[in-house]
Amino acid sequence: MLQVWNLFAISLLLVSCVGCSSKSQGPTLADVKGSVNFDGQPLPSGEVMFVVPGEHTAVLPVTGGEFTGQAAVGANRVEVYSYQMGGAVVDMNGEKFGGEQENIIPAKFNVNSTLTAQVESQGGGEFKFDVTSK
């Protein structure tokens, strides 16, 4: 009877260890860098998103038209955003209220983007994206 319990305990331990080792580590990431031009000029500030639908999104800040970071290896859809304050601003005793951040990049370069990037496992990649206001 003791042998049955020992066998049961060992089997239970093995099953629990196998379950632990099968956890997903997430996507493989690689270094990426590049530039974004808006109407032919470096995008002063904003963000580039490398999107693998249903899996991973990397949000990389853009400063002076340049970005760097890590994105998932493989085919990525790319979205570009840049925000500025818009809307009515009310001044109340020297404090400003209202106004909203508005994305100045057209939807065809973000929510409806057809921009893509193939991120390689060795070396990631260097990318250039040209977006326009029209």
Protein backbone atom coordinates (compact mmCIF):
# COMPACT_ATOMS: atom_id res chain seq x y z
CA MET A 1 0.00 0.00 0.00
CA LEU A 2 2.91 2.34 0.76
CA GLN A 3 4.25 1.78 -2.75
CA VAL A 4 0.91 2.86 -4.26
CA TRP A 5 0.96 6.11 -2.27
CA ASN A 6 4.59 6.76 -3.26
CA LEU A 7 3.75 6.16 -6.92
CA PHE A 8 0.71 8.45 -6.62
CA ALA A 9 2.79 11.21 -4.97
CA ILE A 10 5.52 11.00 -7.60
CA SER A 11 2.95 11.06 -10.43
CA LEU A 12 1.26 14.10 -8.91
CA LEU A 13 4.60 15.91 -8.58
CA LEU A 14 5.52 15.16 -12.21
CA VAL A 15 2.16 16.36 -13.52
CA SER A 16 2.41 19.62 -11.57
CA CYS A 17 5.97 20.26 -12.82
CA VAL A 18 4.97 19.65 -16.43
CA GLY A 19 2.10 22.12 -16.03
CA CYS A 20 4.47 24.79 -14.73
CA SER A 21 6.90 24.48 -17.60
CA SER A 22 4.30 24.99 -20.31
CA LYS A 23 3.60 28.65 -19.49
CA SER A 24 3.94 31.03 -22.43
CA GLN A 25 6.88 33.40 -22.26
CA GLY A 26 5.23 35.91 -24.59
CA PRO A 27 6.39 36.95 -28.05
CA THR A 28 10.02 37.07 -29.12
CA LEU A 29 11.11 40.70 -29.25
CA ALA A 30 13.82 42.36 -31.34
CA ASP A 31 15.37 45.82 -31.36
CA VAL A 32 13.89 48.24 -33.89
CA LYS A 33 14.63 51.84 -34.76
CA GLY A 34 13.70 54.29 -37.42
CA SER A 35 12.24 57.59 -38.44
CA VAL A 36 8.85 59.15 -39.08
CA ASN A 37 8.28 62.07 -41.42
CA PHE A 38 5.05 64.05 -41.43
CA ASP A 39 4.43 66.05 -44.61
CA GLY A 40 8.11 65.66 -45.50
CA GLN A 41 9.45 66.87 -42.14
CA PRO A 42 10.57 64.86 -39.08
CA LEU A 43 7.59 64.27 -36.77
CA PRO A 44 8.45 66.43 -33.71
CA SER A 45 6.70 64.14 -31.21
CA GLY A 46 4.30 61.25 -31.17
CA GLU A 47 4.32 57.48 -31.07
CA VAL A 48 4.68 54.52 -33.37
CA MET A 49 2.82 51.33 -32.53
CA PHE A 50 4.01 47.96 -33.81
CA VAL A 51 0.92 45.73 -33.61
CA VAL A 52 0.61 41.97 -33.89
CA PRO A 53 -3.20 41.66 -33.74
CA GLY A 54 -4.41 39.64 -30.76
CA GLU A 55 -0.89 39.16 -29.43
CA HIS A 56 1.38 42.12 -28.79
CA THR A 57 1.55 45.89 -29.20
CA ALA A 58 4.76 47.87 -28.76
CA VAL A 59 4.31 51.61 -28.24
CA LEU A 60 7.51 53.48 -29.09
CA PRO A 61 7.84 57.22 -28.47
CA VAL A 62 8.86 59.45 -31.39
CA THR A 63 11.10 62.42 -30.63
CA GLY A 64 12.56 64.63 -33.32
CA GLY A 65 11.36 62.20 -35.97
CA GLU A 66 13.24 59.22 -34.46
CA PHE A 67 12.11 56.14 -32.51
CA THR A 68 13.82 53.15 -30.93
CA GLY A 69 12.63 50.20 -28.86
CA GLN A 70 11.56 46.58 -29.14
CA ALA A 71 8.78 45.00 -31.19
CA ALA A 72 7.51 41.46 -31.75
CA VAL A 73 9.36 39.41 -34.35
CA GLY A 74 7.31 38.81 -37.49
CA ALA A 75 4.72 40.78 -39.43
CA ASN A 76 3.54 43.91 -37.61
CA ARG A 77 0.90 46.45 -38.56
CA VAL A 78 2.24 49.95 -37.87
CA GLU A 79 0.24 52.88 -36.51
CA VAL A 80 1.48 56.47 -36.15
CA TYR A 81 -0.01 59.02 -33.74
CA SER A 82 0.84 62.60 -32.80
CA TYR A 83 -1.24 64.75 -30.49
CA GLN A 84 -1.78 68.45 -30.00
CA MET A 85 -4.19 70.38 -27.85
CA GLY A 86 -7.43 71.34 -29.55
CA GLY A 87 -10.93 72.42 -28.70
CA ALA A 88 -12.06 75.29 -26.54
CA VAL A 89 -9.87 76.34 -23.61
CA VAL A 90 -11.44 78.38 -20.82
CA ASP A 91 -9.32 80.69 -18.64
CA MET A 92 -10.64 80.87 -15.06
CA ASN A 93 -8.64 83.18 -12.82
CA GLY A 94 -5.40 82.37 -14.63
CA GLU A 95 -5.97 78.61 -14.78
CA LYS A 96 -6.72 77.04 -18.13
CA PHE A 97 -9.38 74.34 -18.40
CA GLY A 98 -10.77 72.34 -21.28
CA GLY A 99 -9.18 71.55 -24.56
CA GLU A 100 -8.51 68.01 -25.60
CA GLN A 101 -5.62 66.20 -27.14
CA GLU A 102 -6.36 65.59 -30.79
CA ASN A 103 -4.50 63.17 -33.02
CA ILE A 104 -3.22 65.16 -36.02
CA ILE A 105 -2.27 62.05 -38.03
CA PRO A 106 -5.06 60.85 -40.37
CA ALA A 107 -6.76 57.52 -39.57
CA LYS A 108 -5.25 55.89 -42.68
CA PHE A 109 -1.93 55.91 -40.79
CA ASN A 110 -3.27 54.59 -37.45
CA VAL A 111 -6.67 52.95 -36.82
CA ASN A 112 -7.07 52.19 -40.55
CA SER A 113 -3.36 51.77 -41.23
CA THR A 114 -1.97 49.70 -44.05
CA LEU A 115 1.62 50.41 -42.96
CA THR A 116 3.56 47.24 -42.16
CA ALA A 117 6.96 46.22 -40.84
CA GLN A 118 8.60 42.81 -40.96
CA VAL A 119 10.66 42.58 -37.77
CA GLU A 120 13.50 40.07 -38.11
CA SER A 121 14.68 37.85 -35.26
CA GLN A 122 18.31 38.77 -35.95
CA GLY A 123 18.83 42.52 -35.95
CA GLY A 124 15.17 43.54 -35.71
CA GLY A 125 15.14 46.23 -38.35
CA GLU A 126 15.39 49.87 -39.25
CA PHE A 127 12.25 51.45 -40.67
CA LYS A 128 11.19 54.73 -42.26
CA PHE A 129 7.58 55.83 -42.31
CA ASP A 130 6.34 58.80 -44.34
CA VAL A 131 2.87 60.02 -43.36
CA THR A 132 0.91 63.00 -44.64
CA SER A 133 -1.86 65.24 -43.40
CA LYS A 134 -3.95 64.40 -46.48
